[in-house]
Structures are given as C-alpha cells and as structure tokens.
Full PDB file with SEQRES, HELIX, SHEET, SSBOND, CRYST1, ORIGX, SCALE, CONECT and MASTER records, all heavy atoms in Angstrom:
SEQRES   1 A   40  ALA ALA SER GLY ILE ILE ARG SER LEU ASN ALA MET GLY          
SEQRES   2 A   40  TRP HIS ARG GLN ALA PRO GLY LYS GLU ARG GLU LEU VAL          
SEQRES   3 A   40  ALA ARG ILE SER THR PHE GLY SER THR ASN TYR ALA ASP          
SEQRES   4 A   40  SER                                                          
SHEET    1 AA1 3 MET A  12  ARG A  16  0                                        
SHEET    2 AA1 3 GLU A  24  ILE A  29 -1                                        
SHEET    3 AA1 3 THR A  35  TYR A  37 -1                                        
CRYST1    1.000    1.000    1.000  90.00  90.00  90.00 P 1           1          
ORIGX1      1.000000  0.000000  0.000000        0.00000                         
ORIGX2      0.000000  1.000000  0.000000        0.00000                         
ORIGX3      0.000000  0.000000  1.000000        0.00000                         
SCALE1      1.000000  0.000000  0.000000        0.00000                         
SCALE2      0.000000  1.000000  0.000000        0.00000                         
SCALE3      0.000000  0.000000  1.000000        0.00000                         
ATOM      1  N   ALA A   1      48.562  -0.493  16.641  1.00  0.00           N  
ATOM      2  CA  ALA A   1      48.367  -1.649  17.537  1.00  0.00           C  
ATOM      3  C   ALA A   1      48.099  -1.195  18.940  1.00  0.00           C  
ATOM      4  O   ALA A   1      48.691  -0.230  19.429  1.00  0.00           O  
ATOM      5  CB  ALA A   1      49.653  -2.467  17.550  1.00  0.00           C  
ATOM      6  N   ALA A   2      47.135  -1.878  19.578  1.00  0.00           N  
ATOM      7  CA  ALA A   2      46.725  -1.564  20.903  1.00  0.00           C  
ATOM      8  C   ALA A   2      47.370  -2.539  21.919  1.00  0.00           C  
ATOM      9  O   ALA A   2      47.534  -3.696  21.597  1.00  0.00           O  
ATOM     10  CB  ALA A   2      45.222  -1.606  21.027  1.00  0.00           C  
ATOM     11  N   SER A   3      47.681  -2.001  23.107  1.00  0.00           N  
ATOM     12  CA  SER A   3      48.182  -2.860  24.150  1.00  0.00           C  
ATOM     13  C   SER A   3      47.553  -2.472  25.455  1.00  0.00           C  
ATOM     14  O   SER A   3      47.014  -1.365  25.596  1.00  0.00           O  
ATOM     15  CB  SER A   3      49.691  -2.721  24.292  1.00  0.00           C  
ATOM     16  OG  SER A   3      50.068  -1.373  24.614  1.00  0.00           O  
ATOM     17  N   GLY A   4      47.538  -3.393  26.391  1.00  0.00           N  
ATOM     18  CA  GLY A   4      46.841  -3.126  27.676  1.00  0.00           C  
ATOM     19  C   GLY A   4      45.769  -4.185  27.942  1.00  0.00           C  
ATOM     20  O   GLY A   4      45.804  -5.274  27.338  1.00  0.00           O  
ATOM     21  N   ILE A   5      44.867  -3.842  28.819  1.00  0.00           N  
ATOM     22  CA  ILE A   5      43.790  -4.768  29.158  1.00  0.00           C  
ATOM     23  C   ILE A   5      42.665  -4.604  28.161  1.00  0.00           C  
ATOM     24  O   ILE A   5      41.985  -3.586  28.162  1.00  0.00           O  
ATOM     25  CB  ILE A   5      43.284  -4.517  30.568  1.00  0.00           C  
ATOM     26  CG1 ILE A   5      44.439  -4.725  31.572  1.00  0.00           C  
ATOM     27  CG2 ILE A   5      42.117  -5.445  30.872  1.00  0.00           C  
ATOM     28  CD1 ILE A   5      44.105  -4.394  32.986  1.00  0.00           C  
ATOM     29  N   ILE A   6      42.535  -5.551  27.228  1.00  0.00           N  
ATOM     30  CA  ILE A   6      41.584  -5.430  26.149  1.00  0.00           C  
ATOM     31  C   ILE A   6      40.562  -6.606  26.286  1.00  0.00           C  
ATOM     32  O   ILE A   6      40.904  -7.764  26.075  1.00  0.00           O  
ATOM     33  CB  ILE A   6      42.268  -5.494  24.797  1.00  0.00           C  
ATOM     34  CG1 ILE A   6      43.211  -4.296  24.689  1.00  0.00           C  
ATOM     35  CG2 ILE A   6      41.265  -5.500  23.648  1.00  0.00           C  
ATOM     36  CD1 ILE A   6      44.126  -4.324  23.472  1.00  0.00           C  
ATOM     37  N   ARG A   7      39.341  -6.237  26.629  1.00  0.00           N  
ATOM     38  CA  ARG A   7      38.299  -7.248  26.763  1.00  0.00           C  
ATOM     39  C   ARG A   7      37.426  -7.338  25.563  1.00  0.00           C  
ATOM     40  O   ARG A   7      36.852  -8.356  25.189  1.00  0.00           O  
ATOM     41  CB  ARG A   7      37.443  -6.939  28.017  1.00  0.00           C  
ATOM     42  CG  ARG A   7      38.182  -7.126  29.356  1.00  0.00           C  
ATOM     43  CD  ARG A   7      37.285  -6.775  30.493  1.00  0.00           C  
ATOM     44  NE  ARG A   7      36.985  -5.354  30.608  1.00  0.00           N  
ATOM     45  CZ  ARG A   7      37.790  -4.492  31.235  1.00  0.00           C  
ATOM     46  NH1 ARG A   7      38.874  -4.859  31.822  1.00  0.00           N  
ATOM     47  NH2 ARG A   7      37.437  -3.201  31.257  1.00  0.00           N  
ATOM     48  N   SER A   8      37.282  -6.203  24.881  1.00  0.00           N  
ATOM     49  CA  SER A   8      36.500  -6.180  23.614  1.00  0.00           C  
ATOM     50  C   SER A   8      37.161  -5.193  22.653  1.00  0.00           C  
ATOM     51  O   SER A   8      37.655  -4.159  23.028  1.00  0.00           O  
ATOM     52  CB  SER A   8      35.026  -5.786  23.910  1.00  0.00           C  
ATOM     53  OG  SER A   8      34.989  -4.429  24.381  1.00  0.00           O  
ATOM     54  N   LEU A   9      37.134  -5.580  21.392  1.00  0.00           N  
ATOM     55  CA  LEU A   9      37.721  -4.775  20.328  1.00  0.00           C  
ATOM     56  C   LEU A   9      36.687  -4.653  19.216  1.00  0.00           C  
ATOM     57  O   LEU A   9      36.401  -5.676  18.574  1.00  0.00           O  
ATOM     58  CB  LEU A   9      39.038  -5.446  19.876  1.00  0.00           C  
ATOM     59  CG  LEU A   9      39.883  -4.679  18.819  1.00  0.00           C  
ATOM     60  CD1 LEU A   9      40.306  -3.342  19.364  1.00  0.00           C  
ATOM     61  CD2 LEU A   9      41.058  -5.562  18.422  1.00  0.00           C  
ATOM     62  N   ASN A  10      36.192  -3.511  18.976  1.00  0.00           N  
ATOM     63  CA  ASN A  10      35.116  -3.362  18.055  1.00  0.00           C  
ATOM     64  C   ASN A  10      35.543  -2.572  16.786  1.00  0.00           C  
ATOM     65  O   ASN A  10      36.569  -2.893  16.171  1.00  0.00           O  
ATOM     66  CB  ASN A  10      33.901  -2.771  18.713  1.00  0.00           C  
ATOM     67  CG  ASN A  10      33.414  -3.650  19.831  1.00  0.00           C  
ATOM     68  OD1 ASN A  10      33.481  -3.303  21.033  1.00  0.00           O  
ATOM     69  ND2 ASN A  10      32.997  -4.836  19.500  1.00  0.00           N  
ATOM     70  N   ALA A  11      34.807  -1.549  16.409  1.00  0.00           N  
ATOM     71  CA  ALA A  11      35.119  -0.846  15.162  1.00  0.00           C  
ATOM     72  C   ALA A  11      36.457  -0.139  15.255  1.00  0.00           C  
ATOM     73  O   ALA A  11      36.908   0.267  16.314  1.00  0.00           O  
ATOM     74  CB  ALA A  11      34.024   0.133  14.829  1.00  0.00           C  
ATOM     75  N   MET A  12      37.109  -0.029  14.108  1.00  0.00           N  
ATOM     76  CA  MET A  12      38.424   0.629  13.999  1.00  0.00           C  
ATOM     77  C   MET A  12      38.391   1.591  12.776  1.00  0.00           C  
ATOM     78  O   MET A  12      37.627   1.329  11.825  1.00  0.00           O  
ATOM     79  CB  MET A  12      39.519  -0.373  13.815  1.00  0.00           C  
ATOM     80  CG  MET A  12      39.584  -1.454  14.835  1.00  0.00           C  
ATOM     81  SD  MET A  12      40.895  -2.638  14.349  1.00  0.00           S  
ATOM     82  CE  MET A  12      40.812  -3.765  15.739  1.00  0.00           C  
ATOM     83  N   GLY A  13      39.213   2.559  12.825  1.00  0.00           N  
ATOM     84  CA  GLY A  13      39.212   3.510  11.663  1.00  0.00           C  
ATOM     85  C   GLY A  13      40.505   4.225  11.523  1.00  0.00           C  
ATOM     86  O   GLY A  13      41.365   4.235  12.442  1.00  0.00           O  
ATOM     87  N   TRP A  14      40.655   4.831  10.371  1.00  0.00           N  
ATOM     88  CA  TRP A  14      41.731   5.751  10.109  1.00  0.00           C  
ATOM     89  C   TRP A  14      41.155   7.091   9.626  1.00  0.00           C  
ATOM     90  O   TRP A  14      40.211   7.107   8.852  1.00  0.00           O  
ATOM     91  CB  TRP A  14      42.667   5.189   9.007  1.00  0.00           C  
ATOM     92  CG  TRP A  14      43.587   4.107   9.458  1.00  0.00           C  
ATOM     93  CD1 TRP A  14      43.323   2.762   9.328  1.00  0.00           C  
ATOM     94  CD2 TRP A  14      44.818   4.243  10.124  1.00  0.00           C  
ATOM     95  NE1 TRP A  14      44.368   2.069   9.891  1.00  0.00           N  
ATOM     96  CE2 TRP A  14      45.269   2.931  10.389  1.00  0.00           C  
ATOM     97  CE3 TRP A  14      45.590   5.305  10.567  1.00  0.00           C  
ATOM     98  CZ2 TRP A  14      46.514   2.662  11.011  1.00  0.00           C  
ATOM     99  CZ3 TRP A  14      46.787   5.081  11.171  1.00  0.00           C  
ATOM    100  CH2 TRP A  14      47.233   3.773  11.412  1.00  0.00           C  
ATOM    101  N   HIS A  15      41.766   8.181  10.106  1.00  0.00           N  
ATOM    102  CA  HIS A  15      41.375   9.509   9.762  1.00  0.00           C  
ATOM    103  C   HIS A  15      42.644  10.253   9.332  1.00  0.00           C  
ATOM    104  O   HIS A  15      43.741   9.780   9.624  1.00  0.00           O  
ATOM    105  CB  HIS A  15      40.719  10.210  10.948  1.00  0.00           C  
ATOM    106  CG  HIS A  15      39.594   9.437  11.572  1.00  0.00           C  
ATOM    107  ND1 HIS A  15      38.269   9.828  11.427  1.00  0.00           N  
ATOM    108  CD2 HIS A  15      39.613   8.313  12.318  1.00  0.00           C  
ATOM    109  CE1 HIS A  15      37.545   8.947  12.087  1.00  0.00           C  
ATOM    110  NE2 HIS A  15      38.303   8.023  12.645  1.00  0.00           N  
ATOM    111  N   ARG A  16      42.477  11.414   8.713  1.00  0.00           N  
ATOM    112  CA  ARG A  16      43.632  12.196   8.376  1.00  0.00           C  
ATOM    113  C   ARG A  16      43.290  13.650   8.425  1.00  0.00           C  
ATOM    114  O   ARG A  16      42.124  14.065   8.294  1.00  0.00           O  
ATOM    115  CB  ARG A  16      44.175  11.820   6.982  1.00  0.00           C  
ATOM    116  CG  ARG A  16      43.251  12.207   5.814  1.00  0.00           C  
ATOM    117  CD  ARG A  16      43.809  11.687   4.504  1.00  0.00           C  
ATOM    118  NE  ARG A  16      42.969  12.034   3.381  1.00  0.00           N  
ATOM    119  CZ  ARG A  16      43.134  11.592   2.145  1.00  0.00           C  
ATOM    120  NH1 ARG A  16      44.163  10.793   1.875  1.00  0.00           N  
ATOM    121  NH2 ARG A  16      42.324  11.935   1.164  1.00  0.00           N  
ATOM    122  N   GLN A  17      44.357  14.422   8.663  1.00  0.00           N  
ATOM    123  CA  GLN A  17      44.210  15.897   8.701  1.00  0.00           C  
ATOM    124  C   GLN A  17      45.387  16.522   7.932  1.00  0.00           C  
ATOM    125  O   GLN A  17      46.534  16.358   8.358  1.00  0.00           O  
ATOM    126  CB  GLN A  17      44.171  16.407  10.163  1.00  0.00           C  
ATOM    127  CG  GLN A  17      43.827  17.865  10.239  1.00  0.00           C  
ATOM    128  CD  GLN A  17      43.473  18.281  11.655  1.00  0.00           C  
ATOM    129  OE1 GLN A  17      43.750  17.584  12.612  1.00  0.00           O  
ATOM    130  NE2 GLN A  17      42.815  19.412  11.781  1.00  0.00           N  
ATOM    131  N   ALA A  18      45.012  17.153   6.862  1.00  0.00           N  
ATOM    132  CA  ALA A  18      46.012  17.864   6.056  1.00  0.00           C  
ATOM    133  C   ALA A  18      46.171  19.272   6.598  1.00  0.00           C  
ATOM    134  O   ALA A  18      45.275  19.801   7.271  1.00  0.00           O  
ATOM    135  CB  ALA A  18      45.572  17.894   4.599  1.00  0.00           C  
ATOM    136  N   PRO A  19      47.324  19.925   6.309  1.00  0.00           N  
ATOM    137  CA  PRO A  19      47.544  21.293   6.794  1.00  0.00           C  
ATOM    138  C   PRO A  19      46.441  22.231   6.378  1.00  0.00           C  
ATOM    139  O   PRO A  19      46.038  22.259   5.193  1.00  0.00           O  
ATOM    140  CB  PRO A  19      48.861  21.642   6.130  1.00  0.00           C  
ATOM    141  CG  PRO A  19      49.549  20.339   5.901  1.00  0.00           C  
ATOM    142  CD  PRO A  19      48.474  19.384   5.581  1.00  0.00           C  
ATOM    143  N   GLY A  20      45.864  22.939   7.311  1.00  0.00           N  
ATOM    144  CA  GLY A  20      44.839  23.908   7.030  1.00  0.00           C  
ATOM    145  C   GLY A  20      43.448  23.330   6.782  1.00  0.00           C  
ATOM    146  O   GLY A  20      42.532  24.055   6.424  1.00  0.00           O  
ATOM    147  N   LYS A  21      43.322  22.000   6.958  1.00  0.00           N  
ATOM    148  CA  LYS A  21      42.008  21.379   6.681  1.00  0.00           C  
ATOM    149  C   LYS A  21      41.519  20.658   7.907  1.00  0.00           C  
ATOM    150  O   LYS A  21      42.302  20.388   8.853  1.00  0.00           O  
ATOM    151  CB  LYS A  21      42.143  20.406   5.504  1.00  0.00           C  
ATOM    152  CG  LYS A  21      42.506  21.012   4.204  1.00  0.00           C  
ATOM    153  CD  LYS A  21      42.414  20.007   3.076  1.00  0.00           C  
ATOM    154  CE  LYS A  21      42.667  20.705   1.724  1.00  0.00           C  
ATOM    155  NZ  LYS A  21      42.581  19.656   0.617  1.00  0.00           N  
ATOM    156  N   GLU A  22      40.233  20.347   7.883  1.00  0.00           N  
ATOM    157  CA  GLU A  22      39.624  19.591   9.020  1.00  0.00           C  
ATOM    158  C   GLU A  22      39.982  18.119   8.908  1.00  0.00           C  
ATOM    159  O   GLU A  22      40.303  17.600   7.830  1.00  0.00           O  
ATOM    160  CB  GLU A  22      38.117  19.773   9.006  1.00  0.00           C  
ATOM    161  CG  GLU A  22      37.671  21.184   9.290  1.00  0.00           C  
ATOM    162  CD  GLU A  22      36.157  21.281   9.419  1.00  0.00           C  
ATOM    163  OE1 GLU A  22      35.443  20.305   9.164  1.00  0.00           O  
ATOM    164  OE2 GLU A  22      35.687  22.371   9.772  1.00  0.00           O  
ATOM    165  N   ARG A  23      39.939  17.449  10.048  1.00  0.00           N  
ATOM    166  CA  ARG A  23      40.184  16.004  10.083  1.00  0.00           C  
ATOM    167  C   ARG A  23      39.046  15.340   9.330  1.00  0.00           C  
ATOM    168  O   ARG A  23      37.879  15.677   9.495  1.00  0.00           O  
ATOM    169  CB  ARG A  23      40.278  15.515  11.525  1.00  0.00           C  
ATOM    170  CG  ARG A  23      40.710  14.073  11.636  1.00  0.00           C  
ATOM    171  CD  ARG A  23      40.913  13.662  13.106  1.00  0.00           C  
ATOM    172  NE  ARG A  23      41.939  14.443  13.744  1.00  0.00           N  
ATOM    173  CZ  ARG A  23      42.439  14.198  14.965  1.00  0.00           C  
ATOM    174  NH1 ARG A  23      41.934  13.196  15.650  1.00  0.00           N  
ATOM    175  NH2 ARG A  23      43.353  14.967  15.497  1.00  0.00           N  
ATOM    176  N   GLU A  24      39.372  14.306   8.535  1.00  0.00           N  
ATOM    177  CA  GLU A  24      38.346  13.606   7.788  1.00  0.00           C  
ATOM    178  C   GLU A  24      38.542  12.096   7.937  1.00  0.00           C  
ATOM    179  O   GLU A  24      39.674  11.592   8.159  1.00  0.00           O  
ATOM    180  CB  GLU A  24      38.434  13.942   6.307  1.00  0.00           C  
ATOM    181  CG  GLU A  24      39.742  13.575   5.633  1.00  0.00           C  
ATOM    182  CD  GLU A  24      39.717  13.817   4.113  1.00  0.00           C  
ATOM    183  OE1 GLU A  24      38.665  14.133   3.559  1.00  0.00           O  
ATOM    184  OE2 GLU A  24      40.818  13.656   3.487  1.00  0.00           O  
ATOM    185  N   LEU A  25      37.443  11.382   7.820  1.00  0.00           N  
ATOM    186  CA  LEU A  25      37.489   9.949   7.878  1.00  0.00           C  
ATOM    187  C   LEU A  25      38.062   9.397   6.569  1.00  0.00           C  
ATOM    188  O   LEU A  25      37.670   9.815   5.498  1.00  0.00           O  
ATOM    189  CB  LEU A  25      36.086   9.350   8.059  1.00  0.00           C  
ATOM    190  CG  LEU A  25      35.937   7.865   7.993  1.00  0.00           C  
ATOM    191  CD1 LEU A  25      36.629   7.190   9.160  1.00  0.00           C  
ATOM    192  CD2 LEU A  25      34.503   7.457   7.936  1.00  0.00           C  
ATOM    193  N   VAL A  26      38.989   8.496   6.694  1.00  0.00           N  
ATOM    194  CA  VAL A  26      39.595   7.840   5.504  1.00  0.00           C  
ATOM    195  C   VAL A  26      38.944   6.433   5.266  1.00  0.00           C  
ATOM    196  O   VAL A  26      38.527   6.149   4.181  1.00  0.00           O  
ATOM    197  CB  VAL A  26      41.105   7.651   5.698  1.00  0.00           C  
ATOM    198  CG1 VAL A  26      41.697   6.881   4.507  1.00  0.00           C  
ATOM    199  CG2 VAL A  26      41.790   9.016   5.843  1.00  0.00           C  
ATOM    200  N   ALA A  27      38.876   5.688   6.321  1.00  0.00           N  
ATOM    201  CA  ALA A  27      38.301   4.338   6.213  1.00  0.00           C  
ATOM    202  C   ALA A  27      37.929   3.813   7.557  1.00  0.00           C  
ATOM    203  O   ALA A  27      38.534   4.164   8.581  1.00  0.00           O  
ATOM    204  CB  ALA A  27      39.341   3.373   5.531  1.00  0.00           C  
ATOM    205  N   ARG A  28      36.937   2.927   7.575  1.00  0.00           N  
ATOM    206  CA  ARG A  28      36.521   2.285   8.793  1.00  0.00           C  
ATOM    207  C   ARG A  28      36.299   0.805   8.523  1.00  0.00           C  
ATOM    208  O   ARG A  28      35.966   0.402   7.394  1.00  0.00           O  
ATOM    209  CB  ARG A  28      35.225   2.903   9.370  1.00  0.00           C  
ATOM    210  CG  ARG A  28      35.407   4.276   9.893  1.00  0.00           C  
ATOM    211  CD  ARG A  28      34.271   4.673  10.863  1.00  0.00           C  
ATOM    212  NE  ARG A  28      34.252   3.900  12.073  1.00  0.00           N  
ATOM    213  CZ  ARG A  28      35.121   4.100  13.125  1.00  0.00           C  
ATOM    214  NH1 ARG A  28      36.024   5.035  13.023  1.00  0.00           N  
ATOM    215  NH2 ARG A  28      35.006   3.376  14.194  1.00  0.00           N  
ATOM    216  N   ILE A  29      36.439   0.002   9.598  1.00  0.00           N  
ATOM    217  CA  ILE A  29      36.176  -1.421   9.502  1.00  0.00           C  
ATOM    218  C   ILE A  29      35.401  -1.829  10.752  1.00  0.00           C  
ATOM    219  O   ILE A  29      35.817  -1.469  11.878  1.00  0.00           O  
ATOM    220  CB  ILE A  29      37.485  -2.274   9.320  1.00  0.00           C  
ATOM    221  CG1 ILE A  29      37.157  -3.734   9.106  1.00  0.00           C  
ATOM    222  CG2 ILE A  29      38.417  -2.052  10.458  1.00  0.00           C  
ATOM    223  CD1 ILE A  29      38.337  -4.539   8.588  1.00  0.00           C  
ATOM    224  N   SER A  30      34.330  -2.541  10.587  1.00  0.00           N  
ATOM    225  CA  SER A  30      33.462  -2.881  11.691  1.00  0.00           C  
ATOM    226  C   SER A  30      33.989  -4.102  12.407  1.00  0.00           C  
ATOM    227  O   SER A  30      35.004  -4.706  12.021  1.00  0.00           O  
ATOM    228  CB  SER A  30      32.051  -3.203  11.181  1.00  0.00           C  
ATOM    229  OG  SER A  30      32.030  -4.442  10.515  1.00  0.00           O  
ATOM    230  N   THR A  31      33.330  -4.425  13.500  1.00  0.00           N  
ATOM    231  CA  THR A  31      33.718  -5.587  14.277  1.00  0.00           C  
ATOM    232  C   THR A  31      33.732  -6.864  13.424  1.00  0.00           C  
ATOM    233  O   THR A  31      34.617  -7.731  13.614  1.00  0.00           O  
ATOM    234  CB  THR A  31      32.699  -5.782  15.432  1.00  0.00           C  
ATOM    235  OG1 THR A  31      32.609  -4.599  16.212  1.00  0.00           O  
ATOM    236  CG2 THR A  31      33.133  -6.950  16.321  1.00  0.00           C  
ATOM    237  N   PHE A  32      32.813  -6.951  12.499  1.00  0.00           N  
ATOM    238  CA  PHE A  32      32.711  -8.154  11.652  1.00  0.00           C  
ATOM    239  C   PHE A  32      33.390  -8.017  10.330  1.00  0.00           C  
ATOM    240  O   PHE A  32      33.266  -8.919   9.471  1.00  0.00           O  
ATOM    241  CB  PHE A  32      31.259  -8.518  11.503  1.00  0.00           C  
ATOM    242  CG  PHE A  32      30.528  -8.703  12.820  1.00  0.00           C  
ATOM    243  CD1 PHE A  32      29.651  -7.707  13.288  1.00  0.00           C  
ATOM    244  CD2 PHE A  32      30.742  -9.817  13.565  1.00  0.00           C  
ATOM    245  CE1 PHE A  32      29.043  -7.872  14.510  1.00  0.00           C  
ATOM    246  CE2 PHE A  32      30.138  -9.999  14.787  1.00  0.00           C  
ATOM    247  CZ  PHE A  32      29.276  -9.028  15.258  1.00  0.00           C  
ATOM    248  N   GLY A  33      34.114  -6.916  10.096  1.00  0.00           N  
ATOM    249  CA  GLY A  33      34.934  -6.826   8.899  1.00  0.00           C  
ATOM    250  C   GLY A  33      34.371  -6.024   7.733  1.00  0.00           C  
ATOM    251  O   GLY A  33      35.012  -5.948   6.701  1.00  0.00           O  
ATOM    252  N   SER A  34      33.165  -5.488   7.874  1.00  0.00           N  
ATOM    253  CA  SER A  34      32.659  -4.688   6.790  1.00  0.00           C  
ATOM    254  C   SER A  34      33.420  -3.326   6.779  1.00  0.00           C  
ATOM    255  O   SER A  34      33.783  -2.798   7.829  1.00  0.00           O  
ATOM    256  CB  SER A  34      31.176  -4.468   6.900  1.00  0.00           C  
ATOM    257  OG  SER A  34      30.868  -3.812   8.114  1.00  0.00           O  
ATOM    258  N   THR A  35      33.591  -2.799   5.596  1.00  0.00           N  
ATOM    259  CA  THR A  35      34.487  -1.631   5.419  1.00  0.00           C  
ATOM    260  C   THR A  35      33.730  -0.514   4.692  1.00  0.00           C  
ATOM    261  O   THR A  35      32.802  -0.745   3.949  1.00  0.00           O  
ATOM    262  CB  THR A  35      35.761  -1.962   4.664  1.00  0.00           C  
ATOM    263  OG1 THR A  35      35.385  -2.509   3.396  1.00  0.00           O  
ATOM    264  CG2 THR A  35      36.597  -2.987   5.407  1.00  0.00           C  
ATOM    265  N   ASN A  36      34.167   0.705   4.922  1.00  0.00           N  
ATOM    266  CA  ASN A  36      33.741   1.842   4.101  1.00  0.00           C  
ATOM    267  C   ASN A  36      34.884   2.799   3.976  1.00  0.00           C  
ATOM    268  O   ASN A  36      35.753   2.868   4.866  1.00  0.00           O  
ATOM    269  CB  ASN A  36      32.474   2.493   4.635  1.00  0.00           C  
ATOM    270  CG  ASN A  36      32.648   3.109   6.003  1.00  0.00           C  
ATOM    271  OD1 ASN A  36      32.674   2.386   6.997  1.00  0.00           O  
ATOM    272  ND2 ASN A  36      32.806   4.420   6.069  1.00  0.00           N  
ATOM    273  N   TYR A  37      34.913   3.512   2.862  1.00  0.00           N  
ATOM    274  CA  TYR A  37      36.025   4.373   2.531  1.00  0.00           C  
ATOM    275  C   TYR A  37      35.542   5.759   2.081  1.00  0.00           C  
ATOM    276  O   TYR A  37      34.441   5.903   1.494  1.00  0.00           O  
ATOM    277  CB  TYR A  37      36.837   3.776   1.386  1.00  0.00           C  
ATOM    278  CG  TYR A  37      37.460   2.447   1.659  1.00  0.00           C  
ATOM    279  CD1 TYR A  37      36.794   1.238   1.453  1.00  0.00           C  
ATOM    280  CD2 TYR A  37      38.754   2.378   2.214  1.00  0.00           C  
ATOM    281  CE1 TYR A  37      37.395   0.008   1.766  1.00  0.00           C  
ATOM    282  CE2 TYR A  37      39.361   1.146   2.500  1.00  0.00           C  
ATOM    283  CZ  TYR A  37      38.667  -0.003   2.258  1.00  0.00           C  
ATOM    284  OH  TYR A  37      39.249  -1.218   2.567  1.00  0.00           O  
ATOM    285  N   ALA A  38      36.396   6.734   2.258  1.00  0.00           N  
ATOM    286  CA  ALA A  38      36.150   8.040   1.664  1.00  0.00           C  
ATOM    287  C   ALA A  38      36.235   7.887   0.148  1.00  0.00           C  
ATOM    288  O   ALA A  38      37.057   7.101  -0.350  1.00  0.00           O  
ATOM    289  CB  ALA A  38      37.171   9.030   2.167  1.00  0.00           C  
ATOM    290  N   ASP A  39      35.453   8.624  -0.579  1.00  0.00           N  
ATOM    291  CA  ASP A  39      35.466   8.564  -2.046  1.00  0.00           C  
ATOM    292  C   ASP A  39      36.854   8.820  -2.590  1.00  0.00           C  
ATOM    293  O   ASP A  39      37.256   8.171  -3.590  1.00  0.00           O  
ATOM    294  CB  ASP A  39      34.441   9.510  -2.623  1.00  0.00           C  
ATOM    295  CG  ASP A  39      33.019   9.095  -2.421  1.00  0.00           C  
ATOM    296  OD1 ASP A  39      32.780   7.886  -2.118  1.00  0.00           O  
ATOM    297  OD2 ASP A  39      32.135   9.932  -2.545  1.00  0.00           O  
ATOM    298  N   SER A  40      37.576   9.684  -1.983  1.00  0.00           N  
ATOM    299  CA  SER A  40      38.902  10.070  -2.480  1.00  0.00           C  
ATOM    300  C   SER A  40      39.938   8.953  -2.429  1.00  0.00           C  
ATOM    301  O   SER A  40      40.947   9.062  -3.087  1.00  0.00           O  
ATOM    302  CB  SER A  40      39.427  11.289  -1.730  1.00  0.00           C  
ATOM    303  OG  SER A  40      39.492  11.010  -0.319  1.00  0.00           O  
TER     304      SER A  40                                                      
MASTER        0    0    0    0    3    0    0    6  303    1    0    4          
END                                                                             
C-alpha cells in the first residue's frame, strides 16, 4: 500500500529474488487492469 501525495497511480508489479539468484518479475498489472505473469 502506498501513502503520501498521490496524483496518479499507474502500473504495479511484484518481483522476487531468491537466494543466489537475480531479481525476477512475478506479475504486473496495468493502469486498466490487464495482467501478465511469469510462466512459473
């Protein structure tokens, strides 16, 4: 959750980083609600 002065809120996402691995995208959601996911 975001707090503060918010005039516009657009795309959002989740990423993860496992030990010894690079950060990877898990899922994203656009301003209008379209989504995409990592295959895993």
